[in-house]
């Protein structure tokens, strides 16, 4: 049986499934405290699959997005598609936000739990990944 991925990287964003240990670390750093606590502080919610932003690589597209992407952010959508699991995220990693035909194949979008929205140019993200020491996760390995 294949093990769930522990993290994935795309556009300089490190994503991970929310575990109790990760939640404690995020809560200690006060990263999105209320939303993270909603998932781990209530027993009814602890079995829900949740993907969070655990780091942003300096110098990446995401690091230039100001506050559109933040550590501790719960990922709600990627490319307009709901994300609950790492498998959902991985399915969207090489896709694009094709909700608008004139933008098809050009942009990758991320929506967080606070309604924050980030848009990344796919060609820039791919070039950045090839030119840096960190590499985006290959979706085939998710």
C-alpha atoms as a PDB file:
ATOM      1  CA  UNK A   1       0.000   0.000   0.000  1.00  0.00           C
ATOM      2  CA  UNK A   2       1.284   3.456  -0.895  1.00  0.00           C
ATOM      3  CA  UNK A   3       1.865   5.868   1.930  1.00  0.00           C
ATOM      4  CA  UNK A   4       0.287   9.324   1.778  1.00  0.00           C
ATOM      5  CA  UNK A   5       2.796  12.032   0.842  1.00  0.00           C
ATOM      6  CA  UNK A   6       4.064  13.989   3.824  1.00  0.00           C
ATOM      7  CA  UNK A   7       4.516  17.174   1.840  1.00  0.00           C
ATOM      8  CA  UNK A   8       4.424  18.616  -1.665  1.00  0.00           C
ATOM      9  CA  UNK A   9       6.054  21.740  -3.100  1.00  0.00           C
ATOM     10  CA  UNK A  10       4.623  23.935  -5.826  1.00  0.00           C
ATOM     11  CA  UNK A  11       5.312  27.607  -6.649  1.00  0.00           C
ATOM     12  CA  UNK A  12       7.593  27.754  -3.615  1.00  0.00           C
ATOM     13  CA  UNK A  13       4.769  26.727  -1.295  1.00  0.00           C
ATOM     14  CA  UNK A  14       5.248  23.698   0.933  1.00  0.00           C
ATOM     15  CA  UNK A  15       1.949  21.897   1.520  1.00  0.00           C
ATOM     16  CA  UNK A  16       1.306  19.167   4.064  1.00  0.00           C
ATOM     17  CA  UNK A  17      -1.644  17.249   5.458  1.00  0.00           C
ATOM     18  CA  UNK A  18      -2.628  18.559   8.884  1.00  0.00           C
ATOM     19  CA  UNK A  19      -1.491  16.193  11.613  1.00  0.00           C
ATOM     20  CA  UNK A  20      -1.699  16.716  15.355  1.00  0.00           C
ATOM     21  CA  UNK A  21       2.069  17.356  15.575  1.00  0.00           C
ATOM     22  CA  UNK A  22       1.947  19.888  12.746  1.00  0.00           C
ATOM     23  CA  UNK A  23      -1.099  21.551  14.295  1.00  0.00           C
ATOM     24  CA  UNK A  24       0.730  21.948  17.617  1.00  0.00           C
ATOM     25  CA  UNK A  25       3.698  23.516  15.834  1.00  0.00           C
ATOM     26  CA  UNK A  26       1.446  25.913  13.908  1.00  0.00           C
ATOM     27  CA  UNK A  27      -0.553  26.767  17.025  1.00  0.00           C
ATOM     28  CA  UNK A  28       2.663  27.550  18.934  1.00  0.00           C
ATOM     29  CA  UNK A  29       3.751  29.949  16.200  1.00  0.00           C
ATOM     30  CA  UNK A  30       0.245  31.472  16.136  1.00  0.00           C
ATOM     31  CA  UNK A  31      -0.128  30.704  12.419  1.00  0.00           C
ATOM     32  CA  UNK A  32      -3.858  30.879  11.628  1.00  0.00           C
ATOM     33  CA  UNK A  33      -4.632  29.829  15.205  1.00  0.00           C
ATOM     34  CA  UNK A  34      -8.439  29.945  15.049  1.00  0.00           C
ATOM     35  CA  UNK A  35      -8.818  27.857  11.886  1.00  0.00           C
ATOM     36  CA  UNK A  36      -6.193  25.274  12.883  1.00  0.00           C
ATOM     37  CA  UNK A  37      -7.747  24.961  16.347  1.00  0.00           C
ATOM     38  CA  UNK A  38     -11.133  24.389  14.692  1.00  0.00           C
ATOM     39  CA  UNK A  39      -9.750  21.156  13.232  1.00  0.00           C
ATOM     40  CA  UNK A  40      -7.769  19.838  16.201  1.00  0.00           C
ATOM     41  CA  UNK A  41      -9.517  21.409  19.172  1.00  0.00           C
ATOM     42  CA  UNK A  42     -12.843  19.716  18.519  1.00  0.00           C
ATOM     43  CA  UNK A  43     -12.913  15.943  18.576  1.00  0.00           C
ATOM     44  CA  UNK A  44     -15.606  15.800  15.862  1.00  0.00           C
ATOM     45  CA  UNK A  45     -13.271  17.488  13.368  1.00  0.00           C
ATOM     46  CA  UNK A  46     -10.058  15.568  14.040  1.00  0.00           C
ATOM     47  CA  UNK A  47     -10.661  12.934  11.373  1.00  0.00           C
ATOM     48  CA  UNK A  48     -11.181  15.472   8.593  1.00  0.00           C
ATOM     49  CA  UNK A  49      -8.573  15.649   5.864  1.00  0.00           C
ATOM     50  CA  UNK A  50      -7.048  19.108   5.673  1.00  0.00           C
ATOM     51  CA  UNK A  51      -4.113  20.485   3.654  1.00  0.00           C
ATOM     52  CA  UNK A  52      -2.160  23.431   5.062  1.00  0.00           C
ATOM     53  CA  UNK A  53       0.689  25.673   3.958  1.00  0.00           C
ATOM     54  CA  UNK A  54       3.645  24.758   6.154  1.00  0.00           C
ATOM     55  CA  UNK A  55       6.370  26.932   4.612  1.00  0.00           C
ATOM     56  CA  UNK A  56       7.099  29.421   1.868  1.00  0.00           C
ATOM     57  CA  UNK A  57      10.481  29.201   0.183  1.00  0.00           C
ATOM     58  CA  UNK A  58      12.318  32.555   0.177  1.00  0.00           C
ATOM     59  CA  UNK A  59      12.736  34.059  -3.285  1.00  0.00           C
ATOM     60  CA  UNK A  60       9.910  31.994  -4.775  1.00  0.00           C
ATOM     61  CA  UNK A  61       6.799  33.307  -6.502  1.00  0.00           C
ATOM     62  CA  UNK A  62       4.839  32.621  -3.320  1.00  0.00           C
ATOM     63  CA  UNK A  63       7.234  34.696  -1.217  1.00  0.00           C
ATOM     64  CA  UNK A  64       6.458  37.654  -3.475  1.00  0.00           C
ATOM     65  CA  UNK A  65       2.692  37.258  -3.104  1.00  0.00           C
ATOM     66  CA  UNK A  66       2.585  39.506  -0.042  1.00  0.00           C
ATOM     67  CA  UNK A  67      -0.093  38.063   2.257  1.00  0.00           C
ATOM     68  CA  UNK A  68      -2.016  36.078  -0.364  1.00  0.00           C
ATOM     69  CA  UNK A  69      -0.269  32.896   0.826  1.00  0.00           C
ATOM     70  CA  UNK A  70       0.624  32.445   4.493  1.00  0.00           C
ATOM     71  CA  UNK A  71       2.052  29.709   6.669  1.00  0.00           C
ATOM     72  CA  UNK A  72      -0.788  27.997   8.528  1.00  0.00           C
ATOM     73  CA  UNK A  73      -3.305  28.767   5.810  1.00  0.00           C
ATOM     74  CA  UNK A  74      -5.828  25.990   5.232  1.00  0.00           C
ATOM     75  CA  UNK A  75      -6.094  25.310   1.498  1.00  0.00           C
ATOM     76  CA  UNK A  76      -9.695  25.512   0.313  1.00  0.00           C
ATOM     77  CA  UNK A  77      -9.306  25.444  -3.484  1.00  0.00           C
ATOM     78  CA  UNK A  78      -6.653  25.075  -6.147  1.00  0.00           C
ATOM     79  CA  UNK A  79      -7.590  26.138  -9.676  1.00  0.00           C
ATOM     80  CA  UNK A  80     -11.180  26.544  -8.526  1.00  0.00           C
ATOM     81  CA  UNK A  81     -11.412  22.898  -7.418  1.00  0.00           C
ATOM     82  CA  UNK A  82     -12.004  21.974  -3.749  1.00  0.00           C
ATOM     83  CA  UNK A  83      -8.967  20.572  -1.931  1.00  0.00           C
ATOM     84  CA  UNK A  84      -9.345  18.380   1.139  1.00  0.00           C
ATOM     85  CA  UNK A  85      -6.553  15.842   0.695  1.00  0.00           C
ATOM     86  CA  UNK A  86      -3.011  15.716  -0.630  1.00  0.00           C
ATOM     87  CA  UNK A  87      -4.399  13.646  -3.529  1.00  0.00           C
ATOM     88  CA  UNK A  88      -6.735  16.550  -4.409  1.00  0.00           C
ATOM     89  CA  UNK A  89      -3.783  18.930  -4.290  1.00  0.00           C
ATOM     90  CA  UNK A  90      -1.534  16.682  -6.353  1.00  0.00           C
ATOM     91  CA  UNK A  91      -4.229  16.336  -9.022  1.00  0.00           C
ATOM     92  CA  UNK A  92      -4.102  20.119  -9.498  1.00  0.00           C
ATOM     93  CA  UNK A  93      -0.333  20.640  -9.334  1.00  0.00           C
ATOM     94  CA  UNK A  94       0.289  20.599 -13.083  1.00  0.00           C
ATOM     95  CA  UNK A  95      -3.191  21.752 -14.035  1.00  0.00           C
ATOM     96  CA  UNK A  96      -4.272  25.331 -14.529  1.00  0.00           C
ATOM     97  CA  UNK A  97      -7.257  27.425 -13.604  1.00  0.00           C
ATOM     98  CA  UNK A  98      -9.365  27.041 -16.752  1.00  0.00           C
ATOM     99  CA  UNK A  99     -12.548  28.695 -15.513  1.00  0.00           C
ATOM    100  CA  UNK A 100     -11.985  31.507 -18.033  1.00  0.00           C
ATOM    101  CA  UNK A 101     -11.224  30.275 -21.586  1.00  0.00           C
ATOM    102  CA  UNK A 102      -8.925  33.208 -22.421  1.00  0.00           C
ATOM    103  CA  UNK A 103      -6.709  32.314 -19.429  1.00  0.00           C
ATOM    104  CA  UNK A 104      -6.706  28.526 -19.923  1.00  0.00           C
ATOM    105  CA  UNK A 105      -3.312  26.939 -19.386  1.00  0.00           C
ATOM    106  CA  UNK A 106      -1.699  30.151 -18.125  1.00  0.00           C
ATOM    107  CA  UNK A 107      -2.425  30.484 -14.413  1.00  0.00           C
ATOM    108  CA  UNK A 108      -2.435  28.400 -11.220  1.00  0.00           C
ATOM    109  CA  UNK A 109      -4.630  29.692  -8.402  1.00  0.00           C
ATOM    110  CA  UNK A 110      -4.849  29.051  -4.680  1.00  0.00           C
ATOM    111  CA  UNK A 111      -7.647  30.065  -2.321  1.00  0.00           C
ATOM    112  CA  UNK A 112      -7.162  29.921   1.440  1.00  0.00           C
ATOM    113  CA  UNK A 113      -9.556  29.693   4.349  1.00  0.00           C
ATOM    114  CA  UNK A 114      -9.639  33.451   4.913  1.00  0.00           C
ATOM    115  CA  UNK A 115     -10.752  34.097   1.347  1.00  0.00           C
ATOM    116  CA  UNK A 116      -7.234  35.097   0.348  1.00  0.00           C
ATOM    117  CA  UNK A 117      -6.523  34.325  -3.277  1.00  0.00           C
ATOM    118  CA  UNK A 118      -3.187  33.967  -5.065  1.00  0.00           C
ATOM    119  CA  UNK A 119      -2.581  33.740  -8.808  1.00  0.00           C
ATOM    120  CA  UNK A 120       0.677  32.416 -10.256  1.00  0.00           C
ATOM    121  CA  UNK A 121       1.807  32.459 -13.889  1.00  0.00           C
ATOM    122  CA  UNK A 122       2.467  28.806 -14.739  1.00  0.00           C
ATOM    123  CA  UNK A 123       5.368  29.522 -17.100  1.00  0.00           C
ATOM    124  CA  UNK A 124       7.158  31.529 -14.384  1.00  0.00           C
ATOM    125  CA  UNK A 125       6.566  28.851 -11.726  1.00  0.00           C
ATOM    126  CA  UNK A 126       7.904  26.088 -13.994  1.00  0.00           C
ATOM    127  CA  UNK A 127      10.981  28.122 -14.982  1.00  0.00           C
ATOM    128  CA  UNK A 128      11.617  28.979 -11.338  1.00  0.00           C
ATOM    129  CA  UNK A 129      11.437  25.329 -10.312  1.00  0.00           C
ATOM    130  CA  UNK A 130      13.952  24.322 -12.983  1.00  0.00           C
ATOM    131  CA  UNK A 131      16.393  27.088 -12.024  1.00  0.00           C
ATOM    132  CA  UNK A 132      16.454  26.651  -8.243  1.00  0.00           C
ATOM    133  CA  UNK A 133      17.768  24.094  -5.816  1.00  0.00           C
ATOM    134  CA  UNK A 134      14.262  23.189  -4.668  1.00  0.00           C
ATOM    135  CA  UNK A 135      12.114  21.337  -7.126  1.00  0.00           C
ATOM    136  CA  UNK A 136       8.375  21.203  -7.329  1.00  0.00           C
ATOM    137  CA  UNK A 137       6.985  17.820  -6.374  1.00  0.00           C
ATOM    138  CA  UNK A 138       6.370  15.590  -9.356  1.00  0.00           C
ATOM    139  CA  UNK A 139       2.586  14.980  -9.314  1.00  0.00           C
ATOM    140  CA  UNK A 140       3.229  11.385 -10.377  1.00  0.00           C
ATOM    141  CA  UNK A 141       4.903  10.840  -6.996  1.00  0.00           C
ATOM    142  CA  UNK A 142       1.960  12.165  -5.015  1.00  0.00           C
END
